[in-house]
Amino acid sequence: MTLQLDSPEPTKLAEALRPALLRVSRRLRQEAQRAGVSALDALILGQIMRIPGIGVCDLADAEQMSRPTMSSHVKRLEAAGWVVRAEHADDGRRSGLAVTPAGARQMEAIRQHRNDWLAARIAKLDPAARDDLGAAIAPLLQLLALEP
């Protein structure tokens, strides 16, 4: 189904695009849960993998979460054996976070579940719809780059 808008006016486009993005995002979060990890755990592990050595405070700030709340999530990930604290490279008084090999395996399982779910649905689309999806990737990424 191709959505035809009368004009590419931003408000109308946002109204049409938002529900679709939310539903796809929700389904991808559910796939993380099928891999045995909450969506929040996957988000936190992903951030630590992207920024090895990040501290709990910086992680909380990046995710717009209170520091005590983030600290409790990190402690749970440590208890699961997916995250360890490592000495900060620049300041020995601080510790940063690193993903363990077990945590990396969990992230790979999440990625695989999500990719499998998405690929199965993309495979059912006709080639023109796949081309449309491919063309939408760059503008969607540009939306993220415009964040303040």
Protein backbone atom coordinates (compact mmCIF):
# COMPACT_ATOMS: atom_id res chain seq x y z
CA MET A 1 0.00 0.00 0.00
CA THR A 2 1.48 3.33 -1.05
CA LEU A 3 0.39 6.40 0.84
CA GLN A 4 -0.31 9.29 -1.46
CA LEU A 5 -0.33 12.71 0.19
CA ASP A 6 -1.80 15.70 -1.57
CA SER A 7 1.30 17.67 -0.69
CA PRO A 8 4.58 16.92 1.07
CA GLU A 9 3.62 19.48 3.74
CA PRO A 10 5.63 18.57 6.89
CA THR A 11 2.67 18.37 9.28
CA LYS A 12 0.69 16.02 7.03
CA LEU A 13 3.73 13.90 6.32
CA ALA A 14 4.52 13.69 10.05
CA GLU A 15 0.93 12.67 10.82
CA ALA A 16 1.11 9.87 8.25
CA LEU A 17 4.65 8.72 9.09
CA ARG A 18 4.56 8.79 12.91
CA PRO A 19 2.15 5.86 13.47
CA ALA A 20 4.03 3.65 11.03
CA LEU A 21 7.39 4.38 12.65
CA LEU A 22 5.96 3.80 16.12
CA ARG A 23 4.45 0.44 15.17
CA VAL A 24 7.66 -0.80 13.51
CA SER A 25 9.70 0.40 16.48
CA ARG A 26 7.36 -1.37 18.90
CA ARG A 27 7.68 -4.63 16.95
CA LEU A 28 11.48 -4.39 16.92
CA ARG A 29 11.47 -3.84 20.69
CA GLN A 30 9.32 -6.95 21.05
CA GLU A 31 11.88 -8.93 19.08
CA ALA A 32 14.52 -7.93 21.66
CA GLN A 33 12.27 -9.42 24.33
CA ARG A 34 12.03 -12.64 22.34
CA ALA A 35 15.82 -12.80 22.57
CA GLY A 36 15.48 -12.65 26.35
CA VAL A 37 16.41 -9.00 26.84
CA SER A 38 14.22 -6.03 27.64
CA ALA A 39 14.16 -3.19 25.14
CA LEU A 40 15.77 -0.93 27.75
CA ASP A 41 18.56 -3.44 28.40
CA ALA A 42 19.18 -3.64 24.67
CA LEU A 43 19.31 0.14 24.46
CA ILE A 44 21.77 0.41 27.34
CA LEU A 45 23.98 -2.41 26.03
CA GLY A 46 23.96 -0.79 22.60
CA GLN A 47 25.05 2.55 24.02
CA ILE A 48 27.88 0.95 25.97
CA MET A 49 29.00 -0.93 22.85
CA ARG A 50 28.97 2.32 20.84
CA ILE A 51 30.84 4.25 23.55
CA PRO A 52 33.09 1.83 25.45
CA GLY A 53 34.19 3.29 28.77
CA ILE A 54 31.12 5.52 29.14
CA GLY A 55 30.28 6.22 32.77
CA VAL A 56 26.93 5.66 34.43
CA CYS A 57 26.29 9.41 34.72
CA ASP A 58 27.04 10.07 31.07
CA LEU A 59 24.95 7.07 30.09
CA ALA A 60 22.03 8.37 32.17
CA ASP A 61 22.36 11.80 30.60
CA ALA A 62 22.50 10.34 27.10
CA GLU A 63 19.34 8.32 27.71
CA GLN A 64 17.62 11.16 29.59
CA MET A 65 17.19 9.02 32.66
CA SER A 66 17.91 9.76 36.31
CA ARG A 67 21.33 8.67 37.48
CA PRO A 68 20.01 6.43 40.30
CA THR A 69 17.66 4.69 37.86
CA MET A 70 20.47 4.13 35.37
CA SER A 71 22.72 2.90 38.15
CA SER A 72 20.19 0.23 39.12
CA HIS A 73 19.85 -0.89 35.49
CA VAL A 74 23.63 -1.11 35.14
CA LYS A 75 23.89 -3.12 38.36
CA ARG A 76 21.32 -5.57 36.98
CA LEU A 77 23.32 -5.88 33.73
CA GLU A 78 26.48 -6.45 35.79
CA ALA A 79 24.73 -9.17 37.80
CA ALA A 80 23.68 -10.84 34.54
CA GLY A 81 27.34 -10.81 33.46
CA TRP A 82 26.71 -8.61 30.44
CA VAL A 83 28.52 -5.47 31.64
CA VAL A 84 31.64 -4.84 33.71
CA ARG A 85 33.13 -1.72 35.18
CA ALA A 86 36.55 -0.84 33.87
CA GLU A 87 39.02 1.75 35.04
CA HIS A 88 38.55 5.04 33.22
CA ALA A 89 41.34 5.66 30.69
CA ASP A 90 41.91 9.30 31.71
CA ASP A 91 40.87 9.35 35.38
CA GLY A 92 41.74 6.43 37.67
CA ARG A 93 39.15 7.62 40.22
CA ARG A 94 36.32 6.96 37.76
CA SER A 95 35.13 3.76 36.19
CA GLY A 96 33.64 3.26 32.80
CA LEU A 97 31.48 0.48 31.46
CA ALA A 98 32.31 -2.26 29.00
CA VAL A 99 30.19 -5.01 27.47
CA THR A 100 31.38 -8.51 28.29
CA PRO A 101 31.58 -11.29 25.69
CA ALA A 102 28.30 -12.65 27.11
CA GLY A 103 26.71 -9.22 26.69
CA ALA A 104 28.01 -9.02 23.13
CA ARG A 105 26.43 -12.42 22.41
CA GLN A 106 23.12 -11.13 23.79
CA MET A 107 23.36 -8.07 21.55
CA GLU A 108 24.05 -10.31 18.57
CA ALA A 109 21.00 -12.42 19.41
CA ILE A 110 18.87 -9.28 19.61
CA ARG A 111 20.24 -8.00 16.31
CA GLN A 112 19.57 -11.36 14.69
CA HIS A 113 15.98 -11.58 15.99
CA ARG A 114 15.25 -8.04 14.82
CA ASN A 115 16.87 -8.53 11.43
CA ASP A 116 15.10 -11.85 10.88
CA TRP A 117 11.72 -10.30 11.71
CA LEU A 118 12.32 -7.32 9.45
CA ALA A 119 13.86 -9.31 6.57
CA ALA A 120 10.92 -11.76 6.54
CA ARG A 121 8.51 -8.88 6.06
CA ILE A 122 10.65 -7.02 3.54
CA ALA A 123 10.92 -10.23 1.49
CA LYS A 124 7.13 -10.20 1.07
CA LEU A 125 7.15 -6.71 -0.47
CA ASP A 126 7.26 -6.16 -4.18
CA PRO A 127 10.53 -4.82 -5.62
CA ALA A 128 9.16 -1.28 -6.00
CA ALA A 129 8.22 -1.16 -2.30
CA ARG A 130 11.69 -2.43 -1.38
CA ASP A 131 13.21 0.32 -3.51
CA ASP A 132 11.00 2.86 -1.71
CA LEU A 133 12.22 1.57 1.66
CA GLY A 134 15.82 1.78 0.53
CA ALA A 135 15.28 5.35 -0.64
CA ALA A 136 13.73 6.28 2.73
CA ILE A 137 16.76 5.25 4.79
CA ALA A 138 18.85 8.37 4.15
CA PRO A 139 16.06 10.88 4.89
CA LEU A 140 15.10 9.00 8.07
CA LEU A 141 18.70 9.12 9.26
CA GLN A 142 18.79 12.83 8.43
CA LEU A 143 15.86 13.34 10.82
CA LEU A 144 18.03 11.96 13.63
CA ALA A 145 20.95 14.20 12.68
CA LEU A 146 18.69 17.25 13.09
CA GLU A 147 18.23 16.63 16.82
CA PRO A 148 19.24 19.55 19.06
